[in-house]
Amino acid sequence: MPPESTSTITASGVRNEEPELIHRPTSKKDGKASSKPTKELDPRLYDIHSDYVPPIEIVWRNVALFVYLHTAAAIGLYFLFTGQVQWRTVLWTCTWHLFGALGITAGAHRLYAHKSYKAKLPLRIIMTFMQTVSFQNSIWEWARDHRVHHKYSETHADPHNAKRGFFFAHMGWLMCKKHPMVREKGKLLDVSDLEADPLIMWQKKYYLPIVLVVSFFIPALGPWFFWGESFVVAWCFAAQLRYCFNLHCTWLVNSAAHMWGNRPYDQTISPAENKTVAIWAFGEGWHNYHHTFPWDYKTSELGNYEFNFTTAFIDFFAWLGWAHDLKTVSHKVIEDRCKRTGDGSHLIFKALENHHHEEDAPWGWGDKDIPKERIEVTQSIYSEGENKKD
């Protein structure tokens, strides 16, 4: 039966239906009927494209942790600007930031979430370690949520739906409970490949103690133990500021790269090409391309190492033999897609604008100046003798 509803008349005279929550039948546990009914989801929530957003339920524990993190990071920044951080601690911190960033971009994102390349065990161990340094949830949870993001991008089933505003897409989504449809759709995704990997499941099982050690204790204790850095300075700078900076670099992909930039591959979606984000996120800012071709290991059309350090990292391990089956997209497919759905900002359109009639252009079939590749793709239909009987 449909849910009962109450209706009110708005100021404009339009009847506004307010469906009540459905209540499931009384549940049974251990053979005994429960006297407490369980509330069903509001039917409006099932439309992932609707304008209806349920009241936000803030997770105050996460809010408190983020307040602490940013306060400690600000203190770490103060220590840096006042010359209280030793140069060895700065190099140490940059190295651990590199670990965490590549653990997300090359590991959780391109390897595990999108399966855009394959890695042998030594590289998978490195990626698992680096991804743990980043402290952005286990590989299993990160990859699952990211697959949901791509499958239902910019809907209520998207964990960090950019249509809910910059702050929500950037970090607000981590300060409140997930929209019910994020959970519902997440249950439907196939993550059997992740669960079949013993390394991923081992990390998931022991995630909390491992992440505390490799993401906080080692980065903070190293400078204090090896070269006498103040523990407070090391904690605020090498642990907290590094972690905070790493988070914001990742979050920019969810927020800024979904709002600002051109869309040469598909103008019908929000993700855009954003060079600034690509620099801060090690090549993850070419987001219009990535959402159009999410299986490309480069997450961009060009393998330009200057703005895509992660691609250089993967290519190095491919050269070493530890990464293989790197997936990419042919130029022909990209060009066709740009012409079909792009916004006209791709370089191929600029080339067409500047195109001039070629010199020594062929006069017709049989001219020696016809390029060989054009001859090979030319077809003759209804050729002589084609319709003759034997």
Protein backbone atom coordinates (compact mmCIF):
# COMPACT_ATOMS: atom_id res chain seq x y z
CA MET A 1 0.00 0.00 0.00
CA PRO A 2 1.24 3.53 -0.69
CA PRO A 3 2.27 5.58 2.31
CA GLU A 4 -0.28 7.79 3.96
CA SER A 5 0.30 11.45 3.40
CA THR A 6 -0.73 14.77 4.77
CA SER A 7 -1.20 17.77 2.53
CA THR A 8 -0.93 21.48 3.03
CA ILE A 9 -1.73 24.44 0.84
CA THR A 10 1.27 26.65 0.14
CA ALA A 11 1.16 30.42 -0.29
CA SER A 12 1.09 29.97 -4.04
CA GLY A 13 -2.01 27.80 -3.79
CA VAL A 14 -0.16 24.61 -4.76
CA ARG A 15 -0.97 21.52 -2.72
CA ASN A 16 2.23 20.25 -1.08
CA GLU A 17 2.12 16.55 -0.29
CA GLU A 18 4.13 15.50 2.78
CA PRO A 19 4.39 11.69 2.88
CA GLU A 20 4.82 10.24 6.31
CA LEU A 21 7.49 7.69 7.11
CA ILE A 22 6.49 4.11 6.45
CA HIS A 23 6.79 1.75 9.41
CA ARG A 24 8.00 -1.78 8.87
CA PRO A 25 6.03 -4.62 10.48
CA THR A 26 7.04 -5.44 14.01
CA SER A 27 10.28 -7.43 13.88
CA LYS A 28 10.88 -10.69 15.68
CA LYS A 29 14.02 -11.56 17.56
CA ASP A 30 14.74 -14.81 19.36
CA GLY A 31 11.13 -15.81 18.84
CA LYS A 32 9.81 -12.74 20.63
CA ALA A 33 7.97 -9.91 18.98
CA SER A 34 9.54 -6.51 19.38
CA SER A 35 7.23 -3.79 20.63
CA LYS A 36 9.32 -1.06 19.00
CA PRO A 37 8.47 -0.43 15.32
CA THR A 38 11.29 0.30 12.87
CA LYS A 39 10.98 3.40 10.74
CA GLU A 40 11.21 2.96 6.97
CA LEU A 41 12.92 5.48 4.73
CA ASP A 42 10.99 8.47 3.47
CA PRO A 43 9.86 7.50 -0.08
CA ARG A 44 11.27 10.77 -1.44
CA LEU A 45 14.77 9.59 -0.63
CA TYR A 46 14.63 6.85 -3.26
CA ASP A 47 14.75 9.39 -6.10
CA ILE A 48 18.49 10.06 -6.29
CA HIS A 49 17.91 12.92 -8.76
CA SER A 50 15.30 14.77 -6.70
CA ASP A 51 15.71 18.22 -5.17
CA TYR A 52 14.68 16.90 -1.78
CA VAL A 53 17.51 16.73 0.75
CA PRO A 54 16.79 15.25 4.19
CA PRO A 55 17.83 17.18 7.29
CA ILE A 56 21.58 16.91 7.83
CA GLU A 57 22.59 14.83 10.82
CA ILE A 58 25.92 16.19 12.00
CA VAL A 59 28.52 13.77 13.36
CA TRP A 60 29.96 15.94 16.12
CA ARG A 61 32.84 13.58 16.81
CA ASN A 62 34.14 14.16 13.27
CA VAL A 63 33.61 17.91 13.61
CA ALA A 64 35.66 17.93 16.82
CA LEU A 65 38.44 15.89 15.19
CA PHE A 66 38.61 18.26 12.21
CA VAL A 67 38.73 21.27 14.55
CA TYR A 68 41.63 19.67 16.40
CA LEU A 69 43.40 18.69 13.17
CA HIS A 70 43.24 22.18 11.67
CA THR A 71 44.28 23.79 14.94
CA ALA A 72 47.33 21.51 15.23
CA ALA A 73 48.11 22.07 11.52
CA ALA A 74 47.97 25.86 12.03
CA ILE A 75 50.41 25.53 14.92
CA GLY A 76 52.68 23.44 12.70
CA LEU A 77 52.53 26.15 10.05
CA TYR A 78 53.42 28.73 12.71
CA PHE A 79 56.45 26.65 13.70
CA LEU A 80 57.55 26.61 10.05
CA PHE A 81 57.16 30.34 9.47
CA THR A 82 58.98 31.18 12.70
CA GLY A 83 61.97 29.01 11.78
CA GLN A 84 61.42 26.39 14.50
CA VAL A 85 61.33 23.42 12.08
CA GLN A 86 64.67 21.86 11.16
CA TRP A 87 65.39 21.45 7.44
CA ARG A 88 65.72 17.67 7.89
CA THR A 89 62.21 17.61 9.36
CA VAL A 90 60.91 19.53 6.31
CA LEU A 91 62.47 16.97 3.92
CA TRP A 92 61.19 14.12 6.10
CA THR A 93 57.65 15.57 6.03
CA CYS A 94 57.69 16.11 2.26
CA THR A 95 58.70 12.48 1.81
CA TRP A 96 55.80 11.23 3.93
CA HIS A 97 53.42 13.53 2.08
CA LEU A 98 54.66 11.99 -1.16
CA PHE A 99 53.95 8.53 0.24
CA GLY A 100 50.40 9.44 1.25
CA ALA A 101 49.57 11.27 -1.97
CA LEU A 102 50.77 8.47 -4.25
CA GLY A 103 49.06 5.91 -2.04
CA ILE A 104 45.78 7.58 -2.98
CA THR A 105 46.39 8.57 -6.59
CA ALA A 106 48.36 5.57 -7.89
CA GLY A 107 47.05 3.06 -5.35
CA ALA A 108 43.51 3.45 -4.01
CA HIS A 109 42.35 5.43 -7.04
CA ARG A 110 43.92 4.20 -10.26
CA LEU A 111 44.91 0.67 -9.23
CA TYR A 112 42.13 -0.46 -6.90
CA ALA A 113 39.06 1.72 -7.53
CA HIS A 114 39.34 1.77 -11.35
CA LYS A 115 41.55 -1.27 -12.07
CA SER A 116 43.23 0.81 -14.78
CA TYR A 117 46.43 -1.23 -14.47
CA LYS A 118 47.68 -4.33 -12.70
CA ALA A 119 50.48 -4.55 -10.16
CA LYS A 120 52.68 -7.36 -8.96
CA LEU A 121 52.89 -8.18 -5.26
CA PRO A 122 55.91 -5.96 -4.40
CA LEU A 123 54.17 -2.89 -5.86
CA ARG A 124 50.87 -3.80 -4.20
CA ILE A 125 52.65 -3.97 -0.84
CA ILE A 126 54.16 -0.53 -1.48
CA MET A 127 50.77 0.86 -2.52
CA THR A 128 49.09 -0.57 0.58
CA PHE A 129 51.71 1.00 2.83
CA MET A 130 51.47 4.38 1.09
CA GLN A 131 47.68 4.37 1.11
CA THR A 132 47.72 3.66 4.84
CA VAL A 133 49.99 6.67 5.36
CA SER A 134 47.30 8.86 3.77
CA PHE A 135 44.72 7.89 6.48
CA GLN A 136 41.69 8.20 4.17
CA ASN A 137 39.98 4.97 5.22
CA SER A 138 41.04 1.49 4.15
CA ILE A 139 41.59 0.61 0.50
CA TRP A 140 38.42 -1.48 0.55
CA GLU A 141 36.24 1.39 1.82
CA TRP A 142 37.96 4.07 -0.28
CA ALA A 143 37.65 2.10 -3.53
CA ARG A 144 34.03 1.13 -2.82
CA ASP A 145 32.98 4.71 -2.09
CA HIS A 146 34.81 5.96 -5.16
CA ARG A 147 33.08 3.45 -7.41
CA VAL A 148 29.77 4.65 -6.00
CA HIS A 149 30.85 8.23 -6.75
CA HIS A 150 31.48 7.40 -10.41
CA LYS A 151 28.43 5.17 -10.81
CA TYR A 152 26.03 7.77 -9.39
CA SER A 153 28.01 10.98 -9.80
CA GLU A 154 26.27 14.22 -8.82
CA THR A 155 23.21 12.45 -7.39
CA HIS A 156 22.16 11.78 -3.81
CA ALA A 157 23.90 8.40 -4.06
CA ASP A 158 27.21 10.21 -4.61
CA PRO A 159 29.05 10.36 -1.24
CA HIS A 160 30.34 13.89 -1.96
CA ASN A 161 27.68 15.18 -4.33
CA ALA A 162 29.04 18.48 -5.71
CA LYS A 163 25.51 19.74 -6.38
CA ARG A 164 25.18 20.22 -2.63
CA GLY A 165 27.81 22.96 -2.70
CA PHE A 166 31.58 23.43 -2.52
CA PHE A 167 31.93 22.90 1.24
CA PHE A 168 29.84 19.74 1.28
CA ALA A 169 31.79 18.24 -1.65
CA HIS A 170 35.11 19.33 -0.16
CA MET A 171 34.82 18.17 3.45
CA GLY A 172 31.27 18.66 4.74
CA TRP A 173 30.26 15.18 3.61
CA LEU A 174 32.62 13.76 6.23
CA MET A 175 30.98 15.77 9.02
CA CYS A 176 27.50 14.33 8.64
CA LYS A 177 25.81 10.99 8.18
CA LYS A 178 25.69 9.63 4.66
CA HIS A 179 22.58 10.09 2.58
CA PRO A 180 20.63 6.79 2.83
CA MET A 181 21.00 6.23 -0.92
CA VAL A 182 24.80 6.25 -0.65
CA ARG A 183 24.52 3.21 1.58
CA GLU A 184 21.78 1.58 -0.50
CA LYS A 185 23.63 1.91 -3.80
CA GLY A 186 26.94 1.01 -2.22
CA LYS A 187 25.53 -2.38 -1.25
CA LEU A 188 24.76 -3.10 -4.92
CA LEU A 189 28.28 -2.54 -6.24
CA ASP A 190 30.56 -5.45 -7.00
CA VAL A 191 33.64 -5.34 -4.77
CA SER A 192 34.44 -9.05 -5.05
CA ASP A 193 37.80 -8.22 -6.64
CA LEU A 194 38.77 -6.21 -3.55
CA GLU A 195 37.57 -8.90 -1.17
CA ALA A 196 39.52 -11.54 -3.10
CA ASP A 197 42.78 -9.68 -2.40
CA PRO A 198 44.21 -10.91 0.92
CA LEU A 199 46.43 -7.83 1.26
CA ILE A 200 43.45 -5.48 1.07
CA MET A 201 41.43 -7.52 3.55
CA TRP A 202 44.39 -7.74 5.94
CA GLN A 203 44.72 -3.96 5.87
CA LYS A 204 40.97 -3.59 6.42
CA LYS A 205 41.04 -5.92 9.43
CA TYR A 206 43.94 -4.22 11.21
CA TYR A 207 43.47 -0.74 9.78
CA LEU A 208 43.16 1.37 12.94
CA PRO A 209 46.32 0.27 14.79
CA ILE A 210 48.36 0.23 11.55
CA VAL A 211 47.24 3.69 10.44
CA LEU A 212 48.00 5.25 13.83
CA VAL A 213 51.55 3.90 13.64
CA VAL A 214 52.44 4.71 10.03
CA SER A 215 50.47 7.94 9.61
CA PHE A 216 51.16 9.62 12.96
CA PHE A 217 53.62 7.94 15.30
CA ILE A 218 56.45 7.17 12.86
CA PRO A 219 56.29 10.58 11.08
CA ALA A 220 56.32 12.37 14.48
CA LEU A 221 58.79 10.15 16.35
CA GLY A 222 61.33 9.93 13.51
CA PRO A 223 62.58 13.56 13.67
CA TRP A 224 62.51 13.53 17.48
CA PHE A 225 64.50 10.29 17.74
CA PHE A 226 67.03 10.66 14.91
CA TRP A 227 68.01 14.33 14.98
CA GLY A 228 66.57 15.78 18.14
CA GLU A 229 63.60 17.69 16.76
CA SER A 230 61.15 18.92 19.37
CA PHE A 231 58.39 16.33 19.67
CA VAL A 232 55.70 19.03 19.71
CA VAL A 233 57.12 20.55 16.53
CA ALA A 234 57.38 17.13 14.88
CA TRP A 235 53.84 16.20 15.94
CA CYS A 236 52.24 19.43 14.70
CA PHE A 237 54.32 19.75 11.53
CA ALA A 238 55.30 16.27 10.30
CA ALA A 239 52.12 14.51 11.45
CA GLN A 240 49.21 16.95 11.68
CA LEU A 241 50.07 19.60 9.06
CA ARG A 242 51.18 16.93 6.59
CA TYR A 243 47.97 14.96 7.08
CA CYS A 244 45.78 18.07 6.84
CA PHE A 245 47.51 19.23 3.66
CA ASN A 246 47.21 15.78 2.10
CA LEU A 247 43.48 15.71 2.81
CA HIS A 248 42.81 19.09 1.22
CA CYS A 249 44.78 18.15 -1.91
CA THR A 250 42.53 15.10 -2.29
CA TRP A 251 39.35 17.00 -1.42
CA LEU A 252 40.01 19.59 -4.14
CA VAL A 253 39.36 16.85 -6.70
CA ASN A 254 35.88 16.30 -5.24
CA SER A 255 35.05 20.01 -5.01
CA ALA A 256 37.00 22.40 -7.27
CA ALA A 257 37.49 19.90 -10.11
CA HIS A 258 33.74 19.32 -10.17
CA MET A 259 32.98 23.02 -10.54
CA TRP A 260 35.61 25.06 -12.36
CA GLY A 261 37.31 24.41 -15.68
CA ASN A 262 36.52 23.54 -19.27
CA ARG A 263 34.84 20.35 -20.43
CA PRO A 264 36.40 19.33 -23.75
CA TYR A 265 35.30 15.69 -23.58
CA ASP A 266 31.77 15.85 -22.19
CA GLN A 267 29.98 19.12 -21.52
CA THR A 268 26.95 17.33 -20.10
CA ILE A 269 28.72 16.45 -16.82
CA SER A 270 30.09 18.69 -14.07
CA PRO A 271 33.67 17.36 -13.70
CA ALA A 272 36.09 19.73 -15.45
CA GLU A 273 39.72 20.06 -16.52
CA ASN A 274 41.47 21.99 -13.73
CA LYS A 275 45.23 22.45 -14.01
CA THR A 276 45.59 23.92 -10.52
CA VAL A 277 44.00 20.86 -8.95
CA ALA A 278 46.15 18.63 -11.17
CA ILE A 279 49.29 20.25 -9.74
CA TRP A 280 48.23 19.90 -6.10
CA ALA A 281 46.76 16.40 -6.53
CA PHE A 282 49.59 14.86 -8.57
CA GLY A 283 47.65 14.71 -11.83
CA GLU A 284 44.09 14.10 -10.61
CA GLY A 285 42.69 17.42 -11.83
CA TRP A 286 41.98 16.41 -15.44
CA HIS A 287 38.58 15.42 -14.22
CA ASN A 288 36.38 15.84 -17.29
CA TYR A 289 38.57 13.32 -19.09
CA HIS A 290 38.66 11.03 -16.08
CA HIS A 291 34.88 10.85 -15.68
CA THR A 292 34.53 10.29 -19.43
CA PHE A 293 37.19 7.55 -19.58
CA PRO A 294 37.63 6.32 -15.97
CA TRP A 295 39.59 3.22 -17.00
CA ASP A 296 42.57 5.19 -18.42
CA TYR A 297 45.53 4.77 -16.06
CA LYS A 298 46.72 8.33 -16.84
CA THR A 299 43.36 9.91 -15.81
CA SER A 300 44.13 12.37 -18.60
CA GLU A 301 44.58 12.38 -22.35
CA LEU A 302 48.25 13.34 -22.29
CA GLY A 303 50.95 11.67 -20.25
CA ASN A 304 52.48 15.03 -19.38
CA TYR A 305 54.61 14.29 -16.33
CA GLU A 306 54.84 17.98 -15.40
CA PHE A 307 51.15 18.05 -14.45
CA ASN A 308 50.65 14.34 -13.80
CA PHE A 309 53.37 13.01 -11.50
CA THR A 310 51.33 9.90 -10.72
CA THR A 311 51.53 8.79 -14.36
CA ALA A 312 55.34 9.10 -14.20
CA PHE A 313 55.30 6.97 -11.05
CA ILE A 314 53.21 4.23 -12.69
CA ASP A 315 55.27 4.36 -15.91
CA PHE A 316 58.45 3.91 -13.88
CA PHE A 317 57.13 0.73 -12.28
CA ALA A 318 55.87 -0.45 -15.67
CA TRP A 319 59.43 -0.04 -16.96
CA LEU A 320 60.61 -1.97 -13.90
CA GLY A 321 58.11 -4.74 -14.68
CA TRP A 322 56.06 -4.36 -11.51
CA ALA A 323 53.09 -2.64 -13.22
CA HIS A 324 51.50 -4.08 -16.34
CA ASP A 325 48.35 -4.09 -18.49
CA LEU A 326 48.14 -0.29 -18.37
CA LYS A 327 44.83 0.67 -19.95
CA THR A 328 44.44 3.78 -22.09
CA VAL A 329 42.15 5.21 -24.78
CA SER A 330 42.98 5.63 -28.46
CA HIS A 331 43.25 9.09 -29.97
CA LYS A 332 40.48 8.25 -32.46
CA VAL A 333 38.01 7.41 -29.68
CA ILE A 334 38.95 10.58 -27.80
CA GLU A 335 38.59 12.76 -30.90
CA ASP A 336 35.19 11.28 -31.77
CA ARG A 337 33.97 11.83 -28.21
CA CYS A 338 35.16 15.44 -28.21
CA LYS A 339 33.30 16.15 -31.43
CA ARG A 340 30.16 14.46 -30.15
CA THR A 341 29.83 15.76 -26.58
CA GLY A 342 32.68 18.20 -25.90
CA ASP A 343 32.34 21.94 -25.30
CA GLY A 344 34.61 22.83 -28.23
CA SER A 345 37.64 23.75 -26.11
CA HIS A 346 39.76 20.78 -27.17
CA LEU A 347 42.85 21.44 -29.29
CA ILE A 348 41.39 19.53 -32.22
CA PHE A 349 38.88 22.35 -32.73
CA LYS A 350 41.63 24.97 -32.69
CA ALA A 351 43.46 22.94 -35.30
CA LEU A 352 40.35 22.97 -37.47
CA GLU A 353 40.04 26.76 -37.07
CA ASN A 354 43.62 27.27 -38.22
CA HIS A 355 43.39 24.73 -41.02
CA HIS A 356 44.36 25.99 -44.47
CA HIS A 357 43.95 24.26 -47.80
CA GLU A 358 46.95 22.00 -48.18
CA GLU A 359 49.44 22.69 -50.98
CA ASP A 360 49.74 20.11 -53.73
CA ALA A 361 46.32 18.83 -52.76
CA PRO A 362 45.29 15.74 -54.77
CA TRP A 363 43.02 16.41 -57.74
CA GLY A 364 41.19 13.09 -57.34
CA TRP A 365 41.59 9.34 -57.29
CA GLY A 366 44.82 8.28 -58.92
CA ASP A 367 46.80 11.38 -57.94
CA LYS A 368 50.21 10.36 -56.56
CA ASP A 369 49.88 12.94 -53.75
CA ILE A 370 47.04 11.10 -52.00
CA PRO A 371 48.45 9.96 -48.63
CA LYS A 372 48.82 6.21 -48.34
CA GLU A 373 46.71 6.02 -45.17
CA ARG A 374 43.80 7.67 -47.00
CA ILE A 375 44.05 5.18 -49.84
CA GLU A 376 43.92 2.30 -47.37
CA VAL A 377 40.68 3.48 -45.77
CA THR A 378 38.91 4.31 -49.04
CA GLN A 379 36.12 1.92 -49.90
CA SER A 380 34.62 1.15 -53.32
CA ILE A 381 30.99 0.16 -53.31
CA TYR A 382 28.99 -1.38 -56.15
CA SER A 383 32.24 -2.37 -57.89
CA GLU A 384 32.11 -3.70 -61.40
CA GLY A 385 31.27 -7.38 -61.43
CA GLU A 386 30.05 -7.26 -57.85
CA ASN A 387 26.49 -8.12 -58.81
CA LYS A 388 27.33 -10.49 -61.66
CA LYS A 389 26.34 -14.10 -61.36
CA ASP A 390 29.00 -16.83 -61.65
